[in-house]
Amino acid sequence: MVPSIWPEYLGRTVLEAQYVGTPVIASNVRGIPELGGDIFLVEPGGREMLKAEILKVLSSEDRKSKINEAFTEESVCRQAKEIYNSVYGHASR
């Protein structure tokens, strides 16, 4: 969730969430819509709209499944190992 009220010129949080397959709810401010992908846009400062989108995502079995898969212990460890290997070379078991 990225409820920004100012432009997000890079939107790194959105990119990171998309990378791991997490649904993104974000403000419709410059920078975020241009990233494309599966982003649920809400108006900046629109609390009720933000609440409605959060509830919609949480009530969707498909989206909950994606969130759960992205953050399993196995998935997080695999991603951490990939990052370690990319920085320091192949890690020994």
N, C-alpha and C. Protein backbone atom coordinates (compact mmCIF):
# COMPACT_ATOMS: atom_id res chain seq x y z
N MET A 1 0.84 -1.15 0.00
CA MET A 1 0.00 0.00 0.00
C MET A 1 0.90 1.23 0.00
N VAL A 2 0.62 2.13 -0.92
CA VAL A 2 1.39 3.36 -1.05
C VAL A 2 0.41 4.53 -1.11
N PRO A 3 -0.05 5.00 0.07
CA PRO A 3 -1.04 6.09 0.08
C PRO A 3 -0.40 7.48 0.03
N SER A 4 0.39 7.72 -0.97
CA SER A 4 1.11 8.99 -1.10
C SER A 4 0.18 10.14 -1.40
N ILE A 5 0.57 11.33 -0.94
CA ILE A 5 -0.17 12.53 -1.32
C ILE A 5 0.67 13.42 -2.22
N TRP A 6 1.95 13.08 -2.39
CA TRP A 6 2.84 13.80 -3.30
C TRP A 6 3.30 12.85 -4.41
N PRO A 7 3.78 13.39 -5.51
CA PRO A 7 4.27 12.55 -6.61
C PRO A 7 5.36 11.58 -6.15
N GLU A 8 5.34 10.40 -6.71
CA GLU A 8 6.35 9.37 -6.45
C GLU A 8 7.11 9.19 -7.75
N TYR A 9 8.22 9.86 -7.89
CA TYR A 9 8.92 9.85 -9.18
C TYR A 9 9.52 8.50 -9.52
N LEU A 10 9.87 7.70 -8.52
CA LEU A 10 10.40 6.38 -8.81
C LEU A 10 9.42 5.29 -8.40
N GLY A 11 8.78 5.41 -7.28
CA GLY A 11 7.82 4.42 -6.83
C GLY A 11 8.45 3.07 -6.55
N ARG A 12 9.61 3.08 -5.88
CA ARG A 12 10.36 1.86 -5.63
C ARG A 12 9.55 0.83 -4.85
N THR A 13 8.77 1.27 -3.89
CA THR A 13 7.96 0.35 -3.10
C THR A 13 6.99 -0.41 -3.99
N VAL A 14 6.42 0.28 -4.94
CA VAL A 14 5.48 -0.35 -5.88
C VAL A 14 6.22 -1.39 -6.72
N LEU A 15 7.38 -1.03 -7.23
CA LEU A 15 8.17 -1.96 -8.04
C LEU A 15 8.56 -3.20 -7.25
N GLU A 16 8.97 -3.01 -6.00
CA GLU A 16 9.36 -4.16 -5.16
C GLU A 16 8.17 -5.07 -4.90
N ALA A 17 7.02 -4.49 -4.63
CA ALA A 17 5.82 -5.30 -4.39
C ALA A 17 5.43 -6.07 -5.65
N GLN A 18 5.49 -5.41 -6.79
CA GLN A 18 5.17 -6.08 -8.05
C GLN A 18 6.14 -7.22 -8.33
N TYR A 19 7.40 -7.01 -8.00
CA TYR A 19 8.43 -8.03 -8.25
C TYR A 19 8.10 -9.34 -7.55
N VAL A 20 7.57 -9.25 -6.32
CA VAL A 20 7.25 -10.48 -5.58
C VAL A 20 5.80 -10.90 -5.75
N GLY A 21 5.05 -10.18 -6.61
CA GLY A 21 3.69 -10.58 -6.91
C GLY A 21 2.64 -10.13 -5.92
N THR A 22 2.96 -9.14 -5.11
CA THR A 22 2.01 -8.63 -4.13
C THR A 22 1.11 -7.58 -4.77
N PRO A 23 -0.20 -7.67 -4.54
CA PRO A 23 -1.09 -6.65 -5.07
C PRO A 23 -0.73 -5.28 -4.49
N VAL A 24 -0.87 -4.24 -5.28
CA VAL A 24 -0.49 -2.89 -4.85
C VAL A 24 -1.71 -1.98 -4.87
N ILE A 25 -1.93 -1.30 -3.75
CA ILE A 25 -2.94 -0.25 -3.67
C ILE A 25 -2.15 1.03 -3.48
N ALA A 26 -2.34 1.98 -4.38
CA ALA A 26 -1.53 3.20 -4.34
C ALA A 26 -2.34 4.41 -4.77
N SER A 27 -1.84 5.56 -4.34
CA SER A 27 -2.48 6.81 -4.73
C SER A 27 -2.25 7.11 -6.20
N ASN A 28 -3.24 7.72 -6.80
CA ASN A 28 -3.15 8.10 -8.20
C ASN A 28 -2.41 9.44 -8.31
N VAL A 29 -1.11 9.39 -8.00
CA VAL A 29 -0.25 10.57 -8.10
C VAL A 29 0.81 10.31 -9.15
N ARG A 30 1.34 11.38 -9.72
CA ARG A 30 2.33 11.25 -10.79
C ARG A 30 3.45 10.28 -10.40
N GLY A 31 3.77 9.39 -11.31
CA GLY A 31 4.84 8.43 -11.12
C GLY A 31 4.33 7.02 -10.90
N ILE A 32 3.28 6.87 -10.12
CA ILE A 32 2.78 5.53 -9.82
C ILE A 32 1.99 4.92 -10.97
N PRO A 33 1.00 5.61 -11.54
CA PRO A 33 0.26 4.99 -12.65
C PRO A 33 1.15 4.63 -13.84
N GLU A 34 2.21 5.40 -14.03
CA GLU A 34 3.11 5.15 -15.16
C GLU A 34 3.87 3.83 -15.03
N LEU A 35 3.94 3.29 -13.82
CA LEU A 35 4.65 2.02 -13.62
C LEU A 35 3.91 0.85 -14.25
N GLY A 36 2.60 0.99 -14.39
CA GLY A 36 1.81 -0.06 -15.02
C GLY A 36 1.67 -1.27 -14.12
N GLY A 37 1.12 -2.32 -14.67
CA GLY A 37 0.95 -3.55 -13.92
C GLY A 37 -0.33 -3.54 -13.10
N ASP A 38 -0.39 -4.44 -12.15
CA ASP A 38 -1.59 -4.67 -11.34
C ASP A 38 -1.58 -3.72 -10.14
N ILE A 39 -1.96 -2.45 -10.38
CA ILE A 39 -1.99 -1.44 -9.33
C ILE A 39 -3.43 -0.96 -9.18
N PHE A 40 -3.94 -0.98 -7.96
CA PHE A 40 -5.26 -0.45 -7.66
C PHE A 40 -5.07 0.99 -7.23
N LEU A 41 -5.56 1.92 -8.03
CA LEU A 41 -5.33 3.34 -7.78
C LEU A 41 -6.50 3.96 -7.01
N VAL A 42 -6.14 4.79 -6.02
CA VAL A 42 -7.13 5.55 -5.25
C VAL A 42 -6.71 7.02 -5.28
N GLU A 43 -7.65 7.89 -5.05
CA GLU A 43 -7.34 9.31 -5.03
C GLU A 43 -6.56 9.66 -3.77
N PRO A 44 -5.57 10.54 -3.86
CA PRO A 44 -4.78 10.92 -2.69
C PRO A 44 -5.69 11.47 -1.58
N GLY A 45 -5.49 10.98 -0.37
CA GLY A 45 -6.30 11.43 0.77
C GLY A 45 -7.68 10.81 0.84
N GLY A 46 -8.01 9.93 -0.09
CA GLY A 46 -9.33 9.30 -0.12
C GLY A 46 -9.38 8.10 0.81
N ARG A 47 -9.60 8.35 2.08
CA ARG A 47 -9.58 7.27 3.08
C ARG A 47 -10.60 6.18 2.82
N GLU A 48 -11.82 6.57 2.48
CA GLU A 48 -12.87 5.57 2.27
C GLU A 48 -12.56 4.71 1.05
N MET A 49 -12.05 5.33 0.00
CA MET A 49 -11.67 4.59 -1.21
C MET A 49 -10.53 3.63 -0.89
N LEU A 50 -9.55 4.10 -0.11
CA LEU A 50 -8.42 3.26 0.29
C LEU A 50 -8.91 2.07 1.10
N LYS A 51 -9.79 2.33 2.06
CA LYS A 51 -10.36 1.26 2.88
C LYS A 51 -11.09 0.24 2.02
N ALA A 52 -11.88 0.74 1.06
CA ALA A 52 -12.65 -0.16 0.19
C ALA A 52 -11.72 -1.04 -0.65
N GLU A 53 -10.65 -0.47 -1.17
CA GLU A 53 -9.70 -1.26 -1.98
C GLU A 53 -8.97 -2.29 -1.13
N ILE A 54 -8.58 -1.92 0.08
CA ILE A 54 -7.92 -2.88 0.98
C ILE A 54 -8.85 -4.05 1.25
N LEU A 55 -10.10 -3.76 1.58
CA LEU A 55 -11.06 -4.84 1.84
C LEU A 55 -11.31 -5.69 0.61
N LYS A 56 -11.32 -5.08 -0.57
CA LYS A 56 -11.51 -5.82 -1.82
C LYS A 56 -10.35 -6.79 -2.04
N VAL A 57 -9.13 -6.31 -1.84
CA VAL A 57 -7.96 -7.17 -2.03
C VAL A 57 -7.96 -8.31 -1.01
N LEU A 58 -8.27 -7.99 0.25
CA LEU A 58 -8.26 -9.01 1.29
C LEU A 58 -9.38 -10.03 1.14
N SER A 59 -10.46 -9.65 0.48
CA SER A 59 -11.57 -10.58 0.30
C SER A 59 -11.42 -11.45 -0.95
N SER A 60 -10.45 -11.13 -1.78
CA SER A 60 -10.22 -11.90 -3.00
C SER A 60 -9.30 -13.09 -2.69
N GLU A 61 -9.82 -14.29 -2.84
CA GLU A 61 -9.03 -15.49 -2.56
C GLU A 61 -7.78 -15.56 -3.43
N ASP A 62 -7.91 -15.17 -4.71
CA ASP A 62 -6.78 -15.20 -5.63
C ASP A 62 -5.67 -14.26 -5.15
N ARG A 63 -6.05 -13.06 -4.74
CA ARG A 63 -5.05 -12.09 -4.29
C ARG A 63 -4.46 -12.49 -2.95
N LYS A 64 -5.27 -13.02 -2.04
CA LYS A 64 -4.74 -13.49 -0.75
C LYS A 64 -3.74 -14.62 -0.99
N SER A 65 -4.04 -15.48 -1.95
CA SER A 65 -3.14 -16.58 -2.28
C SER A 65 -1.80 -16.04 -2.77
N LYS A 66 -1.83 -15.01 -3.64
CA LYS A 66 -0.59 -14.41 -4.13
C LYS A 66 0.24 -13.83 -3.00
N ILE A 67 -0.42 -13.15 -2.06
CA ILE A 67 0.28 -12.56 -0.92
C ILE A 67 0.90 -13.66 -0.08
N ASN A 68 0.14 -14.70 0.22
CA ASN A 68 0.65 -15.79 1.04
C ASN A 68 1.82 -16.51 0.38
N GLU A 69 1.76 -16.70 -0.95
CA GLU A 69 2.85 -17.36 -1.66
C GLU A 69 4.11 -16.51 -1.68
N ALA A 70 3.95 -15.21 -1.79
CA ALA A 70 5.11 -14.31 -1.88
C ALA A 70 5.88 -14.25 -0.58
N PHE A 71 5.22 -14.55 0.54
CA PHE A 71 5.89 -14.38 1.82
C PHE A 71 5.97 -15.65 2.65
N THR A 72 6.06 -16.81 1.98
CA THR A 72 6.29 -18.04 2.72
C THR A 72 7.74 -18.05 3.19
N GLU A 73 8.03 -18.85 4.19
CA GLU A 73 9.41 -18.94 4.71
C GLU A 73 10.36 -19.37 3.59
N GLU A 74 9.92 -20.34 2.80
CA GLU A 74 10.75 -20.84 1.70
C GLU A 74 11.02 -19.74 0.66
N SER A 75 9.99 -19.00 0.31
CA SER A 75 10.13 -17.95 -0.68
C SER A 75 11.06 -16.84 -0.21
N VAL A 76 10.89 -16.40 1.02
CA VAL A 76 11.73 -15.33 1.56
C VAL A 76 13.19 -15.78 1.65
N CYS A 77 13.42 -17.01 2.10
CA CYS A 77 14.79 -17.54 2.18
C CYS A 77 15.42 -17.66 0.80
N ARG A 78 14.65 -18.13 -0.17
CA ARG A 78 15.16 -18.25 -1.54
C ARG A 78 15.56 -16.89 -2.08
N GLN A 79 14.70 -15.90 -1.88
CA GLN A 79 14.99 -14.55 -2.37
C GLN A 79 16.22 -13.97 -1.68
N ALA A 80 16.34 -14.19 -0.38
CA ALA A 80 17.51 -13.69 0.36
C ALA A 80 18.78 -14.35 -0.16
N LYS A 81 18.72 -15.65 -0.44
CA LYS A 81 19.89 -16.36 -0.96
C LYS A 81 20.26 -15.84 -2.35
N GLU A 82 19.26 -15.57 -3.19
CA GLU A 82 19.52 -15.03 -4.52
C GLU A 82 20.22 -13.67 -4.43
N ILE A 83 19.75 -12.84 -3.52
CA ILE A 83 20.38 -11.53 -3.34
C ILE A 83 21.81 -11.69 -2.84
N TYR A 84 22.00 -12.55 -1.85
CA TYR A 84 23.34 -12.80 -1.31
C TYR A 84 24.27 -13.28 -2.41
N ASN A 85 23.79 -14.24 -3.21
CA ASN A 85 24.62 -14.78 -4.29
C ASN A 85 24.94 -13.73 -5.34
N SER A 86 24.00 -12.84 -5.62
CA SER A 86 24.27 -11.82 -6.62
C SER A 86 25.31 -10.81 -6.13
N VAL A 87 25.39 -10.62 -4.82
CA VAL A 87 26.35 -9.67 -4.26
C VAL A 87 27.70 -10.32 -3.97
N TYR A 88 27.68 -11.50 -3.38
CA TYR A 88 28.91 -12.14 -2.90
C TYR A 88 29.32 -13.38 -3.69
N GLY A 89 28.64 -13.72 -4.74
CA GLY A 89 28.97 -14.94 -5.47
C GLY A 89 28.17 -16.09 -4.89
N HIS A 90 28.42 -17.27 -5.36
CA HIS A 90 27.64 -18.43 -4.91
C HIS A 90 27.96 -18.78 -3.48
N ALA A 91 26.89 -18.87 -2.69
CA ALA A 91 27.03 -19.21 -1.26
C ALA A 91 27.17 -20.71 -1.13
N SER A 92 28.02 -21.12 -0.23
CA SER A 92 28.14 -22.55 0.03
C SER A 92 26.98 -22.98 0.91
N ARG A 93 26.59 -24.21 0.79
CA ARG A 93 25.46 -24.73 1.56
C ARG A 93 25.93 -24.89 2.93
